[in-house]
Amino acid sequence: MAKVTITDGMSAYNVRTNINSMFTNLFTYGFFSEKLVRSGGTPSSGDPATLDEVTHTLVGSYTSTPVAILIPKCDWHIYISSVNTTTVVVGVGAYGSATTLDYDILILSTDIS
């Protein structure tokens, strides 16, 4: 959210406009709408050749592409490969030593319904 300075002597209209602008900016970041969890799958040590991506189907219905935030819970190299209105694809890198692929994905949406 961009910082807006409100000063003494500023008109009520300008104060209200600046406050509304800050809230509008804040709401464009989105609202938490769902959490996807992965705590299984056993990639072979050092080479997850059989597991190079995991596709998650979103539970919610979205009219615009939501924001996906990956929260790793293991040492495998994982990343968000793609996101659309129905799925999130997580890519799995070639290195890690954990026995399971473990992460959460938080979904933020700017859709208001």
N, C-alpha and C. Protein backbone atom coordinates (compact mmCIF):
# COMPACT_ATOMS: atom_id res chain seq x y z
N MET A 1 0.86 -1.16 0.00
CA MET A 1 0.00 0.00 0.00
C MET A 1 0.91 1.22 0.00
N ALA A 2 0.66 2.14 -0.92
CA ALA A 2 1.45 3.36 -1.00
C ALA A 2 1.12 4.27 0.18
N LYS A 3 2.16 4.88 0.71
CA LYS A 3 1.98 5.78 1.84
C LYS A 3 1.49 7.13 1.33
N VAL A 4 0.44 7.62 1.94
CA VAL A 4 -0.10 8.93 1.62
C VAL A 4 -0.05 9.77 2.88
N THR A 5 0.56 10.93 2.80
CA THR A 5 0.65 11.80 3.97
C THR A 5 -0.58 12.69 4.05
N ILE A 6 -1.21 12.68 5.20
CA ILE A 6 -2.36 13.55 5.45
C ILE A 6 -1.87 14.63 6.39
N THR A 7 -2.01 15.87 5.96
CA THR A 7 -1.46 17.00 6.72
C THR A 7 -2.55 17.87 7.31
N ASP A 8 -2.18 18.64 8.32
CA ASP A 8 -3.09 19.64 8.89
C ASP A 8 -3.48 20.62 7.80
N GLY A 9 -4.72 21.01 7.79
CA GLY A 9 -5.18 21.99 6.82
C GLY A 9 -5.67 21.38 5.52
N MET A 10 -5.48 20.05 5.34
CA MET A 10 -5.95 19.40 4.13
C MET A 10 -7.47 19.34 4.17
N SER A 11 -8.11 19.56 3.04
CA SER A 11 -9.57 19.55 3.01
C SER A 11 -10.10 18.14 3.31
N ALA A 12 -11.31 18.08 3.83
CA ALA A 12 -11.94 16.81 4.15
C ALA A 12 -12.06 15.94 2.90
N TYR A 13 -12.35 16.57 1.78
CA TYR A 13 -12.46 15.84 0.52
C TYR A 13 -11.14 15.15 0.18
N ASN A 14 -10.01 15.88 0.31
CA ASN A 14 -8.70 15.29 -0.01
C ASN A 14 -8.33 14.18 0.98
N VAL A 15 -8.67 14.36 2.26
CA VAL A 15 -8.39 13.33 3.25
C VAL A 15 -9.16 12.06 2.89
N ARG A 16 -10.45 12.21 2.60
CA ARG A 16 -11.28 11.06 2.25
C ARG A 16 -10.76 10.39 0.97
N THR A 17 -10.40 11.17 -0.03
CA THR A 17 -9.87 10.63 -1.28
C THR A 17 -8.59 9.84 -1.04
N ASN A 18 -7.70 10.38 -0.22
CA ASN A 18 -6.43 9.69 0.07
C ASN A 18 -6.67 8.39 0.84
N ILE A 19 -7.57 8.41 1.82
CA ILE A 19 -7.87 7.19 2.58
C ILE A 19 -8.50 6.14 1.67
N ASN A 20 -9.46 6.54 0.84
CA ASN A 20 -10.08 5.59 -0.10
C ASN A 20 -9.04 5.01 -1.05
N SER A 21 -8.12 5.82 -1.51
CA SER A 21 -7.06 5.35 -2.40
C SER A 21 -6.20 4.30 -1.72
N MET A 22 -5.86 4.52 -0.45
CA MET A 22 -5.05 3.55 0.27
C MET A 22 -5.80 2.23 0.44
N PHE A 23 -7.10 2.27 0.77
CA PHE A 23 -7.86 1.03 0.92
C PHE A 23 -8.04 0.33 -0.41
N THR A 24 -8.28 1.07 -1.48
CA THR A 24 -8.40 0.46 -2.80
C THR A 24 -7.13 -0.26 -3.16
N ASN A 25 -6.00 0.36 -2.90
CA ASN A 25 -4.71 -0.25 -3.18
C ASN A 25 -4.53 -1.52 -2.35
N LEU A 26 -4.93 -1.49 -1.11
CA LEU A 26 -4.81 -2.64 -0.22
C LEU A 26 -5.65 -3.81 -0.73
N PHE A 27 -6.89 -3.55 -1.15
CA PHE A 27 -7.78 -4.62 -1.57
C PHE A 27 -7.37 -5.26 -2.89
N THR A 28 -6.55 -4.62 -3.70
CA THR A 28 -6.11 -5.25 -4.94
C THR A 28 -5.14 -6.39 -4.68
N TYR A 29 -4.59 -6.51 -3.46
CA TYR A 29 -3.73 -7.64 -3.14
C TYR A 29 -4.53 -8.93 -3.05
N GLY A 30 -5.80 -8.86 -2.78
CA GLY A 30 -6.65 -10.03 -2.77
C GLY A 30 -7.02 -10.51 -1.38
N PHE A 31 -7.94 -11.46 -1.37
CA PHE A 31 -8.45 -12.03 -0.14
C PHE A 31 -8.09 -13.51 -0.10
N PHE A 32 -7.71 -13.99 1.07
CA PHE A 32 -7.43 -15.41 1.23
C PHE A 32 -8.69 -16.18 0.92
N SER A 33 -8.62 -17.12 -0.02
CA SER A 33 -9.83 -17.83 -0.38
C SER A 33 -9.74 -19.34 -0.20
N GLU A 34 -8.54 -19.92 -0.27
CA GLU A 34 -8.42 -21.35 0.00
C GLU A 34 -6.96 -21.72 0.23
N LYS A 35 -6.78 -22.92 0.77
CA LYS A 35 -5.44 -23.44 1.06
C LYS A 35 -5.34 -24.84 0.46
N LEU A 36 -4.32 -25.05 -0.36
CA LEU A 36 -4.06 -26.37 -0.93
C LEU A 36 -2.89 -26.97 -0.18
N VAL A 37 -2.94 -28.26 0.11
CA VAL A 37 -1.92 -28.90 0.94
C VAL A 37 -1.35 -30.10 0.20
N ARG A 38 -0.05 -30.26 0.30
CA ARG A 38 0.62 -31.46 -0.23
C ARG A 38 1.57 -31.96 0.84
N SER A 39 1.39 -33.20 1.26
CA SER A 39 2.30 -33.75 2.25
C SER A 39 2.54 -35.22 1.96
N GLY A 40 2.63 -35.54 0.69
CA GLY A 40 2.86 -36.91 0.30
C GLY A 40 3.75 -36.96 -0.92
N GLY A 41 3.77 -38.09 -1.58
CA GLY A 41 4.63 -38.26 -2.74
C GLY A 41 6.05 -38.46 -2.27
N THR A 42 6.68 -39.47 -2.74
CA THR A 42 8.03 -39.75 -2.30
C THR A 42 8.98 -39.68 -3.49
N PRO A 43 9.55 -38.51 -3.75
CA PRO A 43 10.54 -38.46 -4.82
C PRO A 43 11.78 -39.23 -4.39
N SER A 44 12.42 -39.92 -5.33
CA SER A 44 13.62 -40.66 -4.97
C SER A 44 14.72 -39.69 -4.58
N SER A 45 15.55 -40.07 -3.66
CA SER A 45 16.56 -39.18 -3.10
C SER A 45 17.46 -38.59 -4.18
N GLY A 46 17.45 -37.28 -4.28
CA GLY A 46 18.33 -36.58 -5.22
C GLY A 46 17.84 -36.52 -6.64
N ASP A 47 16.80 -37.28 -7.00
CA ASP A 47 16.34 -37.29 -8.38
C ASP A 47 14.85 -37.60 -8.44
N PRO A 48 13.99 -36.59 -8.35
CA PRO A 48 12.54 -36.86 -8.39
C PRO A 48 12.05 -37.04 -9.83
N ALA A 49 12.70 -37.94 -10.56
CA ALA A 49 12.40 -38.13 -11.98
C ALA A 49 10.95 -38.52 -12.21
N THR A 50 10.36 -39.24 -11.27
CA THR A 50 8.97 -39.65 -11.45
C THR A 50 7.99 -38.59 -10.97
N LEU A 51 8.48 -37.51 -10.39
CA LEU A 51 7.59 -36.47 -9.85
C LEU A 51 8.21 -35.11 -10.16
N ASP A 52 7.99 -34.61 -11.40
CA ASP A 52 8.58 -33.33 -11.76
C ASP A 52 7.59 -32.18 -11.70
N GLU A 53 6.30 -32.51 -11.54
CA GLU A 53 5.30 -31.48 -11.31
C GLU A 53 4.07 -32.10 -10.66
N VAL A 54 3.35 -31.26 -9.93
CA VAL A 54 2.13 -31.69 -9.26
C VAL A 54 1.04 -30.69 -9.63
N THR A 55 -0.09 -31.18 -10.13
CA THR A 55 -1.19 -30.30 -10.52
C THR A 55 -2.27 -30.34 -9.44
N HIS A 56 -2.67 -29.16 -8.97
CA HIS A 56 -3.73 -29.03 -7.96
C HIS A 56 -4.95 -28.40 -8.63
N THR A 57 -6.10 -28.96 -8.38
CA THR A 57 -7.35 -28.37 -8.87
C THR A 57 -7.90 -27.44 -7.79
N LEU A 58 -8.21 -26.22 -8.18
CA LEU A 58 -8.75 -25.25 -7.23
C LEU A 58 -10.18 -25.61 -6.87
N VAL A 59 -10.52 -25.42 -5.61
CA VAL A 59 -11.86 -25.72 -5.12
C VAL A 59 -12.83 -24.60 -5.49
N GLY A 60 -12.35 -23.35 -5.33
CA GLY A 60 -13.20 -22.19 -5.61
C GLY A 60 -13.38 -21.95 -7.09
N SER A 61 -14.34 -21.10 -7.40
CA SER A 61 -14.61 -20.69 -8.77
C SER A 61 -14.12 -19.25 -8.94
N TYR A 62 -13.24 -19.02 -9.90
CA TYR A 62 -12.61 -17.71 -10.06
C TYR A 62 -12.85 -17.17 -11.47
N THR A 63 -13.17 -15.87 -11.56
CA THR A 63 -13.34 -15.24 -12.87
C THR A 63 -12.04 -14.65 -13.37
N SER A 64 -11.09 -14.39 -12.46
CA SER A 64 -9.76 -13.93 -12.85
C SER A 64 -8.73 -14.80 -12.14
N THR A 65 -7.55 -14.87 -12.71
CA THR A 65 -6.50 -15.73 -12.17
C THR A 65 -6.12 -15.28 -10.76
N PRO A 66 -6.22 -16.18 -9.77
CA PRO A 66 -5.85 -15.82 -8.40
C PRO A 66 -4.33 -15.81 -8.24
N VAL A 67 -3.88 -15.31 -7.11
CA VAL A 67 -2.46 -15.32 -6.76
C VAL A 67 -2.20 -16.56 -5.91
N ALA A 68 -1.16 -17.31 -6.24
CA ALA A 68 -0.80 -18.51 -5.48
C ALA A 68 0.51 -18.25 -4.75
N ILE A 69 0.52 -18.48 -3.45
CA ILE A 69 1.72 -18.28 -2.63
C ILE A 69 2.16 -19.65 -2.12
N LEU A 70 3.36 -20.06 -2.50
CA LEU A 70 3.89 -21.36 -2.12
C LEU A 70 4.63 -21.26 -0.79
N ILE A 71 4.32 -22.16 0.13
CA ILE A 71 4.98 -22.22 1.43
C ILE A 71 5.65 -23.58 1.55
N PRO A 72 6.96 -23.66 1.25
CA PRO A 72 7.65 -24.95 1.32
C PRO A 72 7.79 -25.43 2.77
N LYS A 73 7.68 -26.73 2.97
CA LYS A 73 7.84 -27.33 4.29
C LYS A 73 8.86 -28.47 4.25
N CYS A 74 9.63 -28.52 3.18
CA CYS A 74 10.68 -29.52 3.03
C CYS A 74 11.82 -28.87 2.24
N ASP A 75 12.92 -29.60 2.05
CA ASP A 75 14.07 -29.00 1.39
C ASP A 75 14.13 -29.26 -0.12
N TRP A 76 13.08 -29.85 -0.69
CA TRP A 76 13.06 -30.02 -2.14
C TRP A 76 12.90 -28.66 -2.82
N HIS A 77 13.53 -28.49 -3.97
CA HIS A 77 13.39 -27.25 -4.73
C HIS A 77 12.05 -27.31 -5.45
N ILE A 78 11.11 -26.48 -5.01
CA ILE A 78 9.77 -26.45 -5.59
C ILE A 78 9.42 -25.02 -5.95
N TYR A 79 8.54 -24.87 -6.93
CA TYR A 79 8.17 -23.54 -7.41
C TYR A 79 6.80 -23.61 -8.07
N ILE A 80 6.13 -22.46 -8.15
CA ILE A 80 4.86 -22.37 -8.86
C ILE A 80 5.19 -22.31 -10.35
N SER A 81 4.75 -23.28 -11.09
CA SER A 81 5.01 -23.33 -12.52
C SER A 81 3.97 -22.55 -13.31
N SER A 82 2.69 -22.72 -12.94
CA SER A 82 1.63 -21.96 -13.61
C SER A 82 0.39 -21.91 -12.73
N VAL A 83 -0.41 -20.88 -12.98
CA VAL A 83 -1.68 -20.68 -12.27
C VAL A 83 -2.70 -20.22 -13.28
N ASN A 84 -3.90 -20.77 -13.21
CA ASN A 84 -5.01 -20.23 -13.99
C ASN A 84 -6.27 -20.27 -13.12
N THR A 85 -7.42 -20.09 -13.68
CA THR A 85 -8.64 -20.00 -12.87
C THR A 85 -9.11 -21.35 -12.33
N THR A 86 -8.49 -22.45 -12.77
CA THR A 86 -8.93 -23.76 -12.30
C THR A 86 -7.82 -24.62 -11.69
N THR A 87 -6.55 -24.34 -12.00
CA THR A 87 -5.47 -25.18 -11.50
C THR A 87 -4.23 -24.39 -11.10
N VAL A 88 -3.43 -25.01 -10.23
CA VAL A 88 -2.10 -24.51 -9.87
C VAL A 88 -1.14 -25.67 -10.12
N VAL A 89 -0.08 -25.42 -10.89
CA VAL A 89 0.92 -26.45 -11.15
C VAL A 89 2.19 -26.08 -10.41
N VAL A 90 2.68 -27.03 -9.60
CA VAL A 90 3.90 -26.85 -8.83
C VAL A 90 5.00 -27.68 -9.48
N GLY A 91 6.11 -27.03 -9.82
CA GLY A 91 7.25 -27.74 -10.38
C GLY A 91 8.15 -28.24 -9.26
N VAL A 92 8.77 -29.39 -9.50
CA VAL A 92 9.66 -29.99 -8.52
C VAL A 92 11.06 -30.07 -9.12
N GLY A 93 12.03 -29.47 -8.44
CA GLY A 93 13.41 -29.49 -8.90
C GLY A 93 14.08 -30.83 -8.65
N ALA A 94 15.36 -30.91 -8.98
CA ALA A 94 16.09 -32.17 -8.92
C ALA A 94 16.80 -32.43 -7.60
N TYR A 95 16.70 -31.53 -6.64
CA TYR A 95 17.47 -31.70 -5.42
C TYR A 95 16.62 -31.58 -4.17
N GLY A 96 16.93 -32.42 -3.20
CA GLY A 96 16.27 -32.42 -1.91
C GLY A 96 16.53 -33.73 -1.22
N SER A 97 16.40 -33.74 0.09
CA SER A 97 16.67 -34.97 0.82
C SER A 97 15.50 -35.43 1.68
N ALA A 98 14.44 -34.67 1.77
CA ALA A 98 13.28 -35.07 2.57
C ALA A 98 12.63 -36.30 1.97
N THR A 99 11.99 -37.10 2.80
CA THR A 99 11.36 -38.32 2.31
C THR A 99 10.00 -38.06 1.68
N THR A 100 9.40 -36.91 1.95
CA THR A 100 8.13 -36.55 1.31
C THR A 100 8.20 -35.14 0.78
N LEU A 101 7.40 -34.88 -0.22
CA LEU A 101 7.27 -33.55 -0.79
C LEU A 101 6.16 -32.86 0.00
N ASP A 102 6.50 -31.82 0.75
CA ASP A 102 5.58 -31.23 1.72
C ASP A 102 5.53 -29.72 1.52
N TYR A 103 4.33 -29.17 1.25
CA TYR A 103 4.16 -27.73 1.09
C TYR A 103 2.69 -27.36 1.21
N ASP A 104 2.43 -26.08 1.40
CA ASP A 104 1.09 -25.51 1.35
C ASP A 104 1.07 -24.47 0.25
N ILE A 105 -0.09 -24.24 -0.31
CA ILE A 105 -0.29 -23.16 -1.27
C ILE A 105 -1.48 -22.33 -0.79
N LEU A 106 -1.25 -21.05 -0.56
CA LEU A 106 -2.34 -20.14 -0.20
C LEU A 106 -2.84 -19.49 -1.48
N ILE A 107 -4.14 -19.44 -1.65
CA ILE A 107 -4.75 -18.84 -2.83
C ILE A 107 -5.41 -17.53 -2.42
N LEU A 108 -5.00 -16.45 -3.09
CA LEU A 108 -5.59 -15.13 -2.87
C LEU A 108 -6.36 -14.74 -4.11
N SER A 109 -7.54 -14.23 -3.91
CA SER A 109 -8.38 -13.84 -5.03
C SER A 109 -8.86 -12.40 -4.88
N THR A 110 -8.91 -11.70 -6.01
CA THR A 110 -9.48 -10.36 -6.02
C THR A 110 -10.95 -10.41 -6.43
N ASP A 111 -11.45 -11.62 -6.74
CA ASP A 111 -12.87 -11.79 -7.06
C ASP A 111 -13.69 -11.56 -5.79
N ILE A 112 -14.70 -10.77 -5.90
CA ILE A 112 -15.59 -10.54 -4.76
C ILE A 112 -16.96 -11.05 -5.14
N SER A 113 -17.40 -12.09 -4.44
CA SER A 113 -18.71 -12.64 -4.76
C SER A 113 -19.41 -13.11 -3.51
